[in-house]
């Protein structure tokens, strides 16, 4: 499995699919500490290749969509 670095520029203007810890923390608007905490508790999708942890952006989107409890429709 080959990962595309979050910092590499492909020139196409598309967001990379595989994110490293820093990029995933920025993408999810959470601290690195919170991200590692959720990874250690297996509370979010991630892939570990040796010591390297990567996050699939599409899997994170699905994970966040499942976690929505009080959306705008429920607040009315």
C-alpha atoms as a PDB file:
ATOM      1  CA  UNK A   1       0.000   0.000   0.000  1.00  0.00           C
ATOM      2  CA  UNK A   2       1.474   3.340  -0.970  1.00  0.00           C
ATOM      3  CA  UNK A   3       0.585   6.560   0.822  1.00  0.00           C
ATOM      4  CA  UNK A   4       0.613  10.031  -0.613  1.00  0.00           C
ATOM      5  CA  UNK A   5       2.126  12.554   1.739  1.00  0.00           C
ATOM      6  CA  UNK A   6      -0.145  15.339   2.922  1.00  0.00           C
ATOM      7  CA  UNK A   7       2.592  17.842   2.201  1.00  0.00           C
ATOM      8  CA  UNK A   8       3.386  16.709  -1.331  1.00  0.00           C
ATOM      9  CA  UNK A   9       2.093  18.877  -4.108  1.00  0.00           C
ATOM     10  CA  UNK A  10       0.668  16.917  -6.975  1.00  0.00           C
ATOM     11  CA  UNK A  11       0.015  20.006  -9.020  1.00  0.00           C
ATOM     12  CA  UNK A  12      -3.598  18.995  -9.591  1.00  0.00           C
ATOM     13  CA  UNK A  13      -4.977  21.099  -6.734  1.00  0.00           C
ATOM     14  CA  UNK A  14      -6.713  18.070  -5.178  1.00  0.00           C
ATOM     15  CA  UNK A  15      -6.481  17.302  -1.481  1.00  0.00           C
ATOM     16  CA  UNK A  16      -4.407  14.216  -0.737  1.00  0.00           C
ATOM     17  CA  UNK A  17      -6.329  11.112   0.287  1.00  0.00           C
ATOM     18  CA  UNK A  18      -3.854   9.884   2.921  1.00  0.00           C
ATOM     19  CA  UNK A  19      -3.093  12.285   5.762  1.00  0.00           C
ATOM     20  CA  UNK A  20      -0.328  12.206   8.333  1.00  0.00           C
ATOM     21  CA  UNK A  21      -0.996  13.026  12.001  1.00  0.00           C
ATOM     22  CA  UNK A  22      -0.478  16.791  11.640  1.00  0.00           C
ATOM     23  CA  UNK A  23      -2.643  17.057   8.527  1.00  0.00           C
ATOM     24  CA  UNK A  24      -5.385  14.882  10.063  1.00  0.00           C
ATOM     25  CA  UNK A  25      -5.403  17.007  13.227  1.00  0.00           C
ATOM     26  CA  UNK A  26      -5.806  20.158  11.127  1.00  0.00           C
ATOM     27  CA  UNK A  27      -8.460  18.489   8.946  1.00  0.00           C
ATOM     28  CA  UNK A  28     -10.497  17.449  12.005  1.00  0.00           C
ATOM     29  CA  UNK A  29      -9.804  20.693  13.938  1.00  0.00           C
ATOM     30  CA  UNK A  30      -8.426  18.818  16.933  1.00  0.00           C
ATOM     31  CA  UNK A  31      -5.102  18.730  18.729  1.00  0.00           C
ATOM     32  CA  UNK A  32      -2.473  16.091  18.031  1.00  0.00           C
ATOM     33  CA  UNK A  33      -2.891  14.922  21.621  1.00  0.00           C
ATOM     34  CA  UNK A  34      -6.630  14.309  21.104  1.00  0.00           C
ATOM     35  CA  UNK A  35      -5.930  12.527  17.838  1.00  0.00           C
ATOM     36  CA  UNK A  36      -3.361  10.189  19.429  1.00  0.00           C
ATOM     37  CA  UNK A  37      -5.749   9.585  22.336  1.00  0.00           C
ATOM     38  CA  UNK A  38      -8.506   8.435  19.942  1.00  0.00           C
ATOM     39  CA  UNK A  39      -6.045   6.301  17.971  1.00  0.00           C
ATOM     40  CA  UNK A  40      -4.815   4.584  21.149  1.00  0.00           C
ATOM     41  CA  UNK A  41      -8.420   3.824  22.128  1.00  0.00           C
ATOM     42  CA  UNK A  42      -9.236   2.658  18.557  1.00  0.00           C
ATOM     43  CA  UNK A  43     -12.024   5.235  18.364  1.00  0.00           C
ATOM     44  CA  UNK A  44     -11.295   6.411  14.844  1.00  0.00           C
ATOM     45  CA  UNK A  45     -10.185   4.871  11.542  1.00  0.00           C
ATOM     46  CA  UNK A  46      -6.442   4.811  10.875  1.00  0.00           C
ATOM     47  CA  UNK A  47      -3.782   2.669   9.215  1.00  0.00           C
ATOM     48  CA  UNK A  48      -0.479   1.886  10.870  1.00  0.00           C
ATOM     49  CA  UNK A  49       2.503   0.911   8.766  1.00  0.00           C
ATOM     50  CA  UNK A  50       5.266   0.160  11.250  1.00  0.00           C
ATOM     51  CA  UNK A  51       5.497   3.279  13.396  1.00  0.00           C
ATOM     52  CA  UNK A  52       3.839   5.507  10.798  1.00  0.00           C
ATOM     53  CA  UNK A  53       0.161   6.339  11.266  1.00  0.00           C
ATOM     54  CA  UNK A  54      -1.908   7.506   8.298  1.00  0.00           C
ATOM     55  CA  UNK A  55      -5.546   8.505   7.982  1.00  0.00           C
ATOM     56  CA  UNK A  56      -7.779   7.988   4.958  1.00  0.00           C
ATOM     57  CA  UNK A  57      -9.578  11.298   4.407  1.00  0.00           C
ATOM     58  CA  UNK A  58     -12.687   9.532   3.062  1.00  0.00           C
ATOM     59  CA  UNK A  59     -12.846   7.214   6.090  1.00  0.00           C
ATOM     60  CA  UNK A  60     -12.508  10.235   8.394  1.00  0.00           C
ATOM     61  CA  UNK A  61     -15.411  11.930   6.578  1.00  0.00           C
ATOM     62  CA  UNK A  62     -17.598   8.845   7.073  1.00  0.00           C
ATOM     63  CA  UNK A  63     -16.525   8.580  10.722  1.00  0.00           C
ATOM     64  CA  UNK A  64     -17.388  12.227  11.374  1.00  0.00           C
ATOM     65  CA  UNK A  65     -20.758  11.872   9.602  1.00  0.00           C
ATOM     66  CA  UNK A  66     -21.677   8.952  11.863  1.00  0.00           C
ATOM     67  CA  UNK A  67     -20.762  10.946  14.966  1.00  0.00           C
ATOM     68  CA  UNK A  68     -23.173  13.817  14.284  1.00  0.00           C
ATOM     69  CA  UNK A  69     -25.769  13.760  17.048  1.00  0.00           C
ATOM     70  CA  UNK A  70     -27.168  17.285  17.131  1.00  0.00           C
ATOM     71  CA  UNK A  71     -27.265  18.598  13.598  1.00  0.00           C
ATOM     72  CA  UNK A  72     -29.178  21.626  12.388  1.00  0.00           C
ATOM     73  CA  UNK A  73     -32.311  19.556  11.661  1.00  0.00           C
ATOM     74  CA  UNK A  74     -32.487  18.259  15.247  1.00  0.00           C
ATOM     75  CA  UNK A  75     -32.021  21.709  16.785  1.00  0.00           C
ATOM     76  CA  UNK A  76     -35.312  22.998  15.372  1.00  0.00           C
END
